[in-house]
Amino acid sequence: MLKAIFSILLFLITAPLLLALFIKNSYHVERSVVIEQPIGVVFDYIKYLKNQDHYSRWANIDPDMVKAYRGTDAHVGFVSAWSSEHPDVGIGEQEIIGIKPLERIDYELRFIAPFQATEPAYMLTKPIGDTTQVTWGFQGHMNYPMNLTFLFIDFEKQIGGDLQAGLNKLKELLE
């Protein structure tokens, strides 16, 4: 009887760990919107990281969030930091790590609490006639065995919805 209980316990512990070996450990989410403005107008707005306060869903979750900035906005090296007791916001910072005028802005997101992670994000702009397509993307990963989380949480849907809400708000602001 004791041997059967031990075998069951061993299976319950090792099965998830074995399963995690075969589950992806990263994800990539992108959403896009077309804005009825020329690319110069759109890019000149989104290159300022402080402007995300006007359209990012995450920037508006907690009205008591404390924000701090370092560097010159719209330039490589600019950092926007946040601190919140709201569990969906936490503590972290975002840094502009690359700008290709009228094409791309690359960011590094550094999450400090309630979890620690460093992940890339970006915004792309592409002219479509007199309009501009804006794509907002995010990449993330979970190390083994935490990648088991992918079985229970659809990060593509969850983060994708937040990105799309932000892009829709950006469109509303710029049109």
N, C-alpha and C. Protein backbone atom coordinates (compact mmCIF):
# COMPACT_ATOMS: atom_id res chain seq x y z
N MET A 1 0.82 -1.19 0.00
CA MET A 1 0.00 0.00 0.00
C MET A 1 0.87 1.27 0.00
N LEU A 2 1.90 1.27 0.85
CA LEU A 2 2.80 2.41 0.93
C LEU A 2 3.54 2.60 -0.39
N LYS A 3 3.88 1.49 -1.04
CA LYS A 3 4.57 1.56 -2.33
C LYS A 3 3.65 2.19 -3.39
N ALA A 4 2.38 1.88 -3.37
CA ALA A 4 1.42 2.44 -4.32
C ALA A 4 1.25 3.94 -4.10
N ILE A 5 1.17 4.37 -2.84
CA ILE A 5 1.05 5.79 -2.53
C ILE A 5 2.30 6.53 -2.99
N PHE A 6 3.45 5.97 -2.72
CA PHE A 6 4.72 6.58 -3.14
C PHE A 6 4.78 6.69 -4.66
N SER A 7 4.34 5.65 -5.36
CA SER A 7 4.36 5.67 -6.83
C SER A 7 3.43 6.75 -7.38
N ILE A 8 2.27 6.89 -6.77
CA ILE A 8 1.32 7.92 -7.21
C ILE A 8 1.90 9.31 -6.96
N LEU A 9 2.47 9.52 -5.79
CA LEU A 9 3.08 10.81 -5.48
C LEU A 9 4.24 11.13 -6.43
N LEU A 10 5.05 10.14 -6.70
CA LEU A 10 6.17 10.33 -7.62
C LEU A 10 5.67 10.70 -9.02
N PHE A 11 4.62 10.04 -9.46
CA PHE A 11 4.03 10.35 -10.76
C PHE A 11 3.48 11.78 -10.78
N LEU A 12 2.77 12.17 -9.72
CA LEU A 12 2.18 13.52 -9.65
C LEU A 12 3.25 14.61 -9.64
N ILE A 13 4.40 14.31 -9.14
CA ILE A 13 5.49 15.29 -9.12
C ILE A 13 6.25 15.30 -10.45
N THR A 14 6.55 14.15 -10.99
CA THR A 14 7.39 14.08 -12.19
C THR A 14 6.63 14.32 -13.48
N ALA A 15 5.35 13.97 -13.54
CA ALA A 15 4.59 14.14 -14.79
C ALA A 15 4.59 15.58 -15.27
N PRO A 16 4.25 16.56 -14.40
CA PRO A 16 4.28 17.95 -14.88
C PRO A 16 5.69 18.39 -15.32
N LEU A 17 6.70 17.95 -14.60
CA LEU A 17 8.07 18.32 -14.96
C LEU A 17 8.47 17.74 -16.32
N LEU A 18 8.05 16.52 -16.57
CA LEU A 18 8.31 15.92 -17.88
C LEU A 18 7.52 16.62 -18.97
N LEU A 19 6.27 16.94 -18.68
CA LEU A 19 5.42 17.64 -19.64
C LEU A 19 6.03 18.99 -20.02
N ALA A 20 6.57 19.69 -19.03
CA ALA A 20 7.17 21.02 -19.27
C ALA A 20 8.32 20.96 -20.26
N LEU A 21 8.96 19.81 -20.37
CA LEU A 21 10.06 19.66 -21.34
C LEU A 21 9.57 19.80 -22.79
N PHE A 22 8.29 19.56 -23.01
CA PHE A 22 7.74 19.56 -24.37
C PHE A 22 6.83 20.76 -24.66
N ILE A 23 6.79 21.70 -23.75
CA ILE A 23 5.95 22.89 -23.92
C ILE A 23 6.84 24.06 -24.31
N LYS A 24 6.35 24.89 -25.21
CA LYS A 24 7.11 26.07 -25.63
C LYS A 24 7.48 26.90 -24.41
N ASN A 25 8.54 27.69 -24.54
CA ASN A 25 8.94 28.53 -23.41
C ASN A 25 8.95 30.02 -23.78
N SER A 26 8.37 30.35 -24.95
CA SER A 26 8.32 31.76 -25.34
C SER A 26 7.06 32.03 -26.16
N TYR A 27 6.75 33.32 -26.29
CA TYR A 27 5.60 33.73 -27.07
C TYR A 27 5.92 35.07 -27.74
N HIS A 28 5.18 35.37 -28.79
CA HIS A 28 5.36 36.61 -29.55
C HIS A 28 3.97 37.10 -29.92
N VAL A 29 3.67 38.33 -29.55
CA VAL A 29 2.34 38.89 -29.79
C VAL A 29 2.49 40.18 -30.59
N GLU A 30 1.69 40.33 -31.62
CA GLU A 30 1.65 41.56 -32.42
C GLU A 30 0.21 41.92 -32.71
N ARG A 31 -0.05 43.22 -32.69
CA ARG A 31 -1.34 43.73 -33.12
C ARG A 31 -1.09 44.98 -33.94
N SER A 32 -1.99 45.28 -34.88
CA SER A 32 -1.82 46.43 -35.78
C SER A 32 -3.10 47.22 -35.91
N VAL A 33 -2.94 48.46 -36.35
CA VAL A 33 -4.06 49.34 -36.64
C VAL A 33 -3.61 50.28 -37.75
N VAL A 34 -4.54 50.74 -38.56
CA VAL A 34 -4.25 51.74 -39.59
C VAL A 34 -4.81 53.07 -39.11
N ILE A 35 -3.95 54.09 -39.11
CA ILE A 35 -4.32 55.42 -38.64
C ILE A 35 -4.36 56.36 -39.83
N GLU A 36 -5.41 57.12 -39.92
CA GLU A 36 -5.63 58.05 -41.03
C GLU A 36 -4.80 59.32 -40.85
N GLN A 37 -3.49 59.13 -40.80
CA GLN A 37 -2.53 60.23 -40.70
C GLN A 37 -1.26 59.81 -41.43
N PRO A 38 -0.50 60.78 -41.95
CA PRO A 38 0.77 60.44 -42.59
C PRO A 38 1.76 59.87 -41.57
N ILE A 39 2.70 59.09 -42.07
CA ILE A 39 3.66 58.41 -41.20
C ILE A 39 4.45 59.37 -40.31
N GLY A 40 4.79 60.54 -40.82
CA GLY A 40 5.55 61.50 -40.02
C GLY A 40 4.79 61.95 -38.78
N VAL A 41 3.51 62.20 -38.92
CA VAL A 41 2.68 62.62 -37.79
C VAL A 41 2.60 61.50 -36.75
N VAL A 42 2.37 60.28 -37.21
CA VAL A 42 2.22 59.14 -36.31
C VAL A 42 3.55 58.84 -35.61
N PHE A 43 4.62 58.74 -36.39
CA PHE A 43 5.92 58.40 -35.78
C PHE A 43 6.36 59.47 -34.79
N ASP A 44 6.15 60.74 -35.14
CA ASP A 44 6.56 61.82 -34.24
C ASP A 44 5.78 61.78 -32.92
N TYR A 45 4.64 61.14 -32.89
CA TYR A 45 3.88 61.00 -31.65
C TYR A 45 4.34 59.78 -30.85
N ILE A 46 4.46 58.64 -31.52
CA ILE A 46 4.77 57.41 -30.77
C ILE A 46 6.22 57.32 -30.33
N LYS A 47 7.11 58.10 -30.94
CA LYS A 47 8.52 58.02 -30.52
C LYS A 47 8.73 58.58 -29.12
N TYR A 48 7.77 59.37 -28.63
CA TYR A 48 7.84 59.88 -27.26
C TYR A 48 7.21 58.85 -26.32
N LEU A 49 8.03 58.25 -25.52
CA LEU A 49 7.57 57.21 -24.61
C LEU A 49 6.54 57.74 -23.61
N LYS A 50 6.67 58.99 -23.21
CA LYS A 50 5.69 59.58 -22.29
C LYS A 50 4.29 59.60 -22.90
N ASN A 51 4.19 59.63 -24.22
CA ASN A 51 2.87 59.63 -24.86
C ASN A 51 2.12 58.32 -24.66
N GLN A 52 2.84 57.24 -24.31
CA GLN A 52 2.14 55.98 -24.03
C GLN A 52 1.18 56.13 -22.86
N ASP A 53 1.43 57.14 -22.00
CA ASP A 53 0.51 57.39 -20.90
C ASP A 53 -0.89 57.73 -21.40
N HIS A 54 -1.00 58.17 -22.64
CA HIS A 54 -2.30 58.57 -23.21
C HIS A 54 -3.02 57.42 -23.92
N TYR A 55 -2.29 56.36 -24.27
CA TYR A 55 -2.96 55.30 -25.02
C TYR A 55 -2.69 53.87 -24.52
N SER A 56 -1.67 53.65 -23.76
CA SER A 56 -1.38 52.30 -23.28
C SER A 56 -2.37 51.90 -22.19
N ARG A 57 -2.96 50.74 -22.34
CA ARG A 57 -3.89 50.23 -21.33
C ARG A 57 -3.19 50.09 -19.99
N TRP A 58 -1.95 49.60 -19.99
CA TRP A 58 -1.23 49.36 -18.74
C TRP A 58 -0.93 50.66 -18.00
N ALA A 59 -0.70 51.73 -18.74
CA ALA A 59 -0.38 53.01 -18.11
C ALA A 59 -1.57 53.62 -17.40
N ASN A 60 -2.76 53.11 -17.68
CA ASN A 60 -3.97 53.71 -17.13
C ASN A 60 -4.74 52.81 -16.16
N ILE A 61 -4.16 51.70 -15.78
CA ILE A 61 -4.85 50.78 -14.86
C ILE A 61 -4.95 51.37 -13.46
N ASP A 62 -3.86 51.98 -13.00
CA ASP A 62 -3.81 52.50 -11.63
C ASP A 62 -3.60 54.01 -11.63
N PRO A 63 -4.61 54.78 -11.25
CA PRO A 63 -4.45 56.24 -11.24
C PRO A 63 -3.45 56.72 -10.18
N ASP A 64 -3.11 55.87 -9.20
CA ASP A 64 -2.15 56.22 -8.17
C ASP A 64 -0.72 55.77 -8.49
N MET A 65 -0.52 55.25 -9.69
CA MET A 65 0.80 54.79 -10.10
C MET A 65 1.80 55.95 -10.02
N VAL A 66 2.99 55.65 -9.50
CA VAL A 66 4.06 56.64 -9.43
C VAL A 66 4.95 56.44 -10.65
N LYS A 67 5.23 57.52 -11.37
CA LYS A 67 6.06 57.43 -12.58
C LYS A 67 7.29 58.31 -12.43
N ALA A 68 8.37 57.87 -13.03
CA ALA A 68 9.62 58.63 -13.01
C ALA A 68 10.28 58.45 -14.38
N TYR A 69 11.07 59.43 -14.78
CA TYR A 69 11.69 59.41 -16.11
C TYR A 69 13.17 59.77 -15.98
N ARG A 70 13.98 59.17 -16.86
CA ARG A 70 15.41 59.47 -16.94
C ARG A 70 15.79 59.64 -18.40
N GLY A 71 16.58 60.66 -18.68
CA GLY A 71 17.06 60.86 -20.04
C GLY A 71 16.17 61.80 -20.82
N THR A 72 16.40 61.81 -22.15
CA THR A 72 15.67 62.68 -23.06
C THR A 72 14.67 61.83 -23.84
N ASP A 73 13.39 62.14 -23.66
CA ASP A 73 12.35 61.36 -24.33
C ASP A 73 12.55 61.41 -25.84
N ALA A 74 12.15 60.33 -26.49
CA ALA A 74 12.24 60.15 -27.95
C ALA A 74 13.68 59.91 -28.40
N HIS A 75 14.57 59.58 -27.46
CA HIS A 75 15.96 59.27 -27.78
C HIS A 75 16.35 57.95 -27.12
N VAL A 76 17.28 57.24 -27.74
CA VAL A 76 17.79 56.00 -27.17
C VAL A 76 18.34 56.29 -25.78
N GLY A 77 17.99 55.44 -24.84
CA GLY A 77 18.43 55.58 -23.46
C GLY A 77 17.39 56.18 -22.54
N PHE A 78 16.30 56.73 -23.11
CA PHE A 78 15.25 57.29 -22.26
C PHE A 78 14.54 56.15 -21.52
N VAL A 79 14.30 56.36 -20.22
CA VAL A 79 13.66 55.34 -19.39
C VAL A 79 12.42 55.92 -18.74
N SER A 80 11.33 55.17 -18.83
CA SER A 80 10.08 55.47 -18.14
C SER A 80 9.89 54.38 -17.09
N ALA A 81 9.87 54.77 -15.81
CA ALA A 81 9.72 53.79 -14.73
C ALA A 81 8.36 53.97 -14.07
N TRP A 82 7.84 52.90 -13.51
CA TRP A 82 6.55 52.95 -12.83
C TRP A 82 6.60 52.11 -11.55
N SER A 83 5.73 52.47 -10.63
CA SER A 83 5.60 51.73 -9.38
C SER A 83 4.15 51.79 -8.95
N SER A 84 3.57 50.61 -8.70
CA SER A 84 2.17 50.54 -8.33
C SER A 84 1.96 49.34 -7.42
N GLU A 85 1.01 49.48 -6.51
CA GLU A 85 0.64 48.35 -5.67
C GLU A 85 -0.43 47.50 -6.33
N HIS A 86 -0.95 47.94 -7.47
CA HIS A 86 -1.95 47.16 -8.21
C HIS A 86 -1.27 45.91 -8.77
N PRO A 87 -1.84 44.73 -8.55
CA PRO A 87 -1.18 43.48 -8.99
C PRO A 87 -0.99 43.35 -10.50
N ASP A 88 -1.81 44.06 -11.29
CA ASP A 88 -1.65 43.99 -12.75
C ASP A 88 -0.62 44.98 -13.28
N VAL A 89 -0.06 45.80 -12.39
CA VAL A 89 0.91 46.82 -12.82
C VAL A 89 2.28 46.56 -12.22
N GLY A 90 2.37 46.53 -10.91
CA GLY A 90 3.62 46.24 -10.24
C GLY A 90 4.67 47.33 -10.39
N ILE A 91 5.93 46.91 -10.44
CA ILE A 91 7.06 47.83 -10.52
C ILE A 91 7.91 47.43 -11.72
N GLY A 92 8.35 48.42 -12.49
CA GLY A 92 9.21 48.12 -13.62
C GLY A 92 9.63 49.38 -14.34
N GLU A 93 10.25 49.17 -15.49
CA GLU A 93 10.67 50.29 -16.32
C GLU A 93 10.78 49.85 -17.77
N GLN A 94 10.70 50.84 -18.65
CA GLN A 94 10.79 50.61 -20.09
C GLN A 94 11.82 51.59 -20.64
N GLU A 95 12.74 51.07 -21.44
CA GLU A 95 13.80 51.90 -22.01
C GLU A 95 13.76 51.84 -23.53
N ILE A 96 13.94 52.99 -24.15
CA ILE A 96 14.09 53.02 -25.61
C ILE A 96 15.50 52.54 -25.92
N ILE A 97 15.62 51.45 -26.66
CA ILE A 97 16.95 50.91 -26.97
C ILE A 97 17.31 51.05 -28.45
N GLY A 98 16.36 51.47 -29.27
CA GLY A 98 16.65 51.67 -30.68
C GLY A 98 15.56 52.46 -31.36
N ILE A 99 15.97 53.34 -32.27
CA ILE A 99 15.01 54.10 -33.07
C ILE A 99 15.52 54.13 -34.50
N LYS A 100 14.68 53.70 -35.41
CA LYS A 100 14.93 53.83 -36.84
C LYS A 100 13.84 54.76 -37.35
N PRO A 101 14.17 56.05 -37.60
CA PRO A 101 13.14 57.04 -37.91
C PRO A 101 12.15 56.58 -38.99
N LEU A 102 10.89 56.84 -38.71
CA LEU A 102 9.75 56.54 -39.57
C LEU A 102 9.54 55.04 -39.79
N GLU A 103 10.26 54.18 -39.04
CA GLU A 103 10.10 52.74 -39.23
C GLU A 103 9.87 51.95 -37.95
N ARG A 104 10.71 52.22 -36.92
CA ARG A 104 10.74 51.27 -35.79
C ARG A 104 11.28 51.93 -34.52
N ILE A 105 10.67 51.54 -33.39
CA ILE A 105 11.18 51.89 -32.07
C ILE A 105 11.26 50.59 -31.27
N ASP A 106 12.43 50.33 -30.70
CA ASP A 106 12.63 49.13 -29.89
C ASP A 106 12.74 49.51 -28.43
N TYR A 107 12.13 48.69 -27.58
CA TYR A 107 12.12 48.92 -26.15
C TYR A 107 12.63 47.69 -25.41
N GLU A 108 13.13 47.93 -24.22
CA GLU A 108 13.41 46.83 -23.29
C GLU A 108 12.53 47.07 -22.07
N LEU A 109 11.68 46.10 -21.79
CA LEU A 109 10.82 46.16 -20.61
C LEU A 109 11.49 45.37 -19.50
N ARG A 110 11.63 46.03 -18.35
CA ARG A 110 12.23 45.37 -17.20
C ARG A 110 11.20 45.34 -16.07
N PHE A 111 10.66 44.16 -15.84
CA PHE A 111 9.68 43.97 -14.77
C PHE A 111 10.43 43.59 -13.50
N ILE A 112 10.11 44.27 -12.41
CA ILE A 112 10.81 44.04 -11.15
C ILE A 112 9.90 43.33 -10.15
N ALA A 113 8.65 43.73 -10.06
CA ALA A 113 7.70 43.10 -9.14
C ALA A 113 6.31 43.17 -9.78
N PRO A 114 5.45 42.22 -9.62
CA PRO A 114 5.52 41.08 -8.72
C PRO A 114 6.37 39.92 -9.23
N PHE A 115 6.95 40.04 -10.39
CA PHE A 115 7.86 39.03 -10.92
C PHE A 115 9.01 39.75 -11.61
N GLN A 116 10.10 39.05 -11.83
CA GLN A 116 11.25 39.65 -12.51
C GLN A 116 11.38 39.06 -13.90
N ALA A 117 11.55 39.96 -14.88
CA ALA A 117 11.75 39.54 -16.26
C ALA A 117 12.24 40.73 -17.06
N THR A 118 12.97 40.45 -18.11
CA THR A 118 13.39 41.48 -19.06
C THR A 118 12.98 40.98 -20.43
N GLU A 119 12.14 41.76 -21.10
CA GLU A 119 11.56 41.32 -22.38
C GLU A 119 11.62 42.44 -23.41
N PRO A 120 11.74 42.09 -24.69
CA PRO A 120 11.72 43.11 -25.75
C PRO A 120 10.31 43.45 -26.20
N ALA A 121 10.15 44.69 -26.63
CA ALA A 121 8.90 45.15 -27.24
C ALA A 121 9.28 46.12 -28.35
N TYR A 122 8.33 46.44 -29.21
CA TYR A 122 8.63 47.33 -30.33
C TYR A 122 7.35 47.92 -30.89
N MET A 123 7.53 49.00 -31.64
CA MET A 123 6.45 49.59 -32.43
C MET A 123 7.00 49.82 -33.83
N LEU A 124 6.24 49.41 -34.82
CA LEU A 124 6.62 49.56 -36.23
C LEU A 124 5.63 50.49 -36.91
N THR A 125 6.12 51.29 -37.85
CA THR A 125 5.23 52.12 -38.66
C THR A 125 5.52 51.83 -40.13
N LYS A 126 4.44 51.82 -40.91
CA LYS A 126 4.57 51.56 -42.34
C LYS A 126 3.56 52.42 -43.07
N PRO A 127 4.03 53.18 -44.08
CA PRO A 127 3.06 53.99 -44.82
C PRO A 127 2.19 53.11 -45.72
N ILE A 128 0.91 53.45 -45.74
CA ILE A 128 -0.03 52.81 -46.67
C ILE A 128 -0.76 53.97 -47.34
N GLY A 129 -0.22 54.42 -48.45
CA GLY A 129 -0.76 55.62 -49.10
C GLY A 129 -0.57 56.81 -48.18
N ASP A 130 -1.67 57.51 -47.88
CA ASP A 130 -1.62 58.66 -46.97
C ASP A 130 -1.89 58.27 -45.52
N THR A 131 -2.01 56.98 -45.25
CA THR A 131 -2.27 56.51 -43.90
C THR A 131 -1.04 55.78 -43.37
N THR A 132 -1.11 55.35 -42.11
CA THR A 132 0.02 54.68 -41.49
C THR A 132 -0.45 53.45 -40.73
N GLN A 133 0.19 52.33 -41.01
CA GLN A 133 -0.06 51.13 -40.22
C GLN A 133 0.92 51.13 -39.05
N VAL A 134 0.38 50.97 -37.85
CA VAL A 134 1.20 50.88 -36.64
C VAL A 134 1.06 49.46 -36.09
N THR A 135 2.18 48.82 -35.84
CA THR A 135 2.20 47.49 -35.26
C THR A 135 2.92 47.58 -33.92
N TRP A 136 2.28 47.02 -32.89
CA TRP A 136 2.87 46.99 -31.56
C TRP A 136 3.13 45.54 -31.23
N GLY A 137 4.36 45.23 -30.86
CA GLY A 137 4.71 43.84 -30.59
C GLY A 137 5.41 43.66 -29.26
N PHE A 138 5.30 42.45 -28.75
CA PHE A 138 5.88 42.10 -27.46
C PHE A 138 6.33 40.65 -27.52
N GLN A 139 7.47 40.37 -26.93
CA GLN A 139 7.95 39.00 -26.82
C GLN A 139 8.17 38.67 -25.36
N GLY A 140 7.93 37.43 -25.00
CA GLY A 140 8.13 37.02 -23.62
C GLY A 140 8.57 35.58 -23.55
N HIS A 141 9.05 35.21 -22.39
CA HIS A 141 9.47 33.83 -22.19
C HIS A 141 9.23 33.41 -20.74
N MET A 142 9.16 32.13 -20.55
CA MET A 142 9.06 31.55 -19.22
C MET A 142 10.02 30.37 -19.18
N ASN A 143 10.92 30.40 -18.25
CA ASN A 143 11.88 29.31 -18.11
C ASN A 143 11.22 28.05 -17.57
N TYR A 144 11.83 26.93 -17.87
CA TYR A 144 11.40 25.63 -17.35
C TYR A 144 11.50 25.67 -15.83
N PRO A 145 10.59 25.16 -15.09
CA PRO A 145 9.32 24.52 -15.43
C PRO A 145 8.13 25.49 -15.42
N MET A 146 8.43 26.80 -15.25
CA MET A 146 7.34 27.79 -15.21
C MET A 146 6.59 27.86 -16.54
N ASN A 147 7.21 27.33 -17.61
CA ASN A 147 6.52 27.34 -18.90
C ASN A 147 5.24 26.51 -18.87
N LEU A 148 5.01 25.75 -17.82
CA LEU A 148 3.73 25.04 -17.66
C LEU A 148 2.56 26.03 -17.64
N THR A 149 2.85 27.27 -17.30
CA THR A 149 1.82 28.32 -17.27
C THR A 149 1.14 28.45 -18.62
N PHE A 150 1.87 28.15 -19.70
CA PHE A 150 1.29 28.26 -21.05
C PHE A 150 0.11 27.32 -21.25
N LEU A 151 -0.01 26.29 -20.42
CA LEU A 151 -1.16 25.39 -20.51
C LEU A 151 -2.44 26.03 -19.98
N PHE A 152 -2.27 27.06 -19.12
CA PHE A 152 -3.42 27.63 -18.42
C PHE A 152 -3.72 29.08 -18.80
N ILE A 153 -2.74 29.79 -19.33
CA ILE A 153 -2.92 31.20 -19.67
C ILE A 153 -2.58 31.41 -21.14
N ASP A 154 -3.49 32.01 -21.87
CA ASP A 154 -3.26 32.33 -23.28
C ASP A 154 -2.68 33.74 -23.37
N PHE A 155 -1.36 33.84 -23.33
CA PHE A 155 -0.70 35.15 -23.35
C PHE A 155 -0.96 35.89 -24.66
N GLU A 156 -1.07 35.16 -25.75
CA GLU A 156 -1.39 35.79 -27.04
C GLU A 156 -2.70 36.56 -26.95
N LYS A 157 -3.69 35.93 -26.38
CA LYS A 157 -5.00 36.56 -26.26
C LYS A 157 -4.98 37.68 -25.22
N GLN A 158 -4.40 37.40 -24.06
CA GLN A 158 -4.40 38.37 -22.96
C GLN A 158 -3.59 39.63 -23.32
N ILE A 159 -2.36 39.46 -23.73
CA ILE A 159 -1.52 40.62 -24.06
C ILE A 159 -1.98 41.23 -25.38
N GLY A 160 -2.39 40.41 -26.32
CA GLY A 160 -2.87 40.91 -27.60
C GLY A 160 -4.06 41.83 -27.44
N GLY A 161 -4.96 41.50 -26.53
CA GLY A 161 -6.11 42.36 -26.27
C GLY A 161 -5.70 43.71 -25.72
N ASP A 162 -4.71 43.70 -24.83
CA ASP A 162 -4.22 44.95 -24.26
C ASP A 162 -3.50 45.80 -25.31
N LEU A 163 -2.72 45.15 -26.17
CA LEU A 163 -2.04 45.88 -27.24
C LEU A 163 -3.06 46.50 -28.19
N GLN A 164 -4.08 45.72 -28.57
CA GLN A 164 -5.09 46.22 -29.50
C GLN A 164 -5.87 47.37 -28.90
N ALA A 165 -6.20 47.28 -27.62
CA ALA A 165 -6.91 48.38 -26.95
C ALA A 165 -6.06 49.65 -26.98
N GLY A 166 -4.77 49.51 -26.76
CA GLY A 166 -3.87 50.66 -26.82
C GLY A 166 -3.79 51.25 -28.21
N LEU A 167 -3.70 50.39 -29.22
CA LEU A 167 -3.64 50.87 -30.60
C LEU A 167 -4.94 51.56 -31.00
N ASN A 168 -6.05 51.01 -30.56
CA ASN A 168 -7.35 51.64 -30.87
C ASN A 168 -7.43 53.03 -30.24
N LYS A 169 -6.92 53.17 -29.03
CA LYS A 169 -6.91 54.47 -28.35
C LYS A 169 -5.96 55.42 -29.08
N LEU A 170 -4.81 54.92 -29.53
CA LEU A 170 -3.86 55.73 -30.30
C LEU A 170 -4.53 56.25 -31.57
N LYS A 171 -5.24 55.38 -32.26
CA LYS A 171 -5.96 55.78 -33.47
C LYS A 171 -6.96 56.90 -33.16
N GLU A 172 -7.70 56.71 -32.08
CA GLU A 172 -8.69 57.72 -31.67
C GLU A 172 -8.00 59.05 -31.37
N LEU A 173 -6.87 59.01 -30.71
CA LEU A 173 -6.14 60.25 -30.37
C LEU A 173 -5.60 60.98 -31.60
N LEU A 174 -5.08 60.22 -32.55
CA LEU A 174 -4.41 60.83 -33.70
C LEU A 174 -5.35 61.18 -34.85
N GLU A 175 -6.51 60.61 -34.86
CA GLU A 175 -7.45 60.96 -35.93
C GLU A 175 -8.38 62.01 -35.42
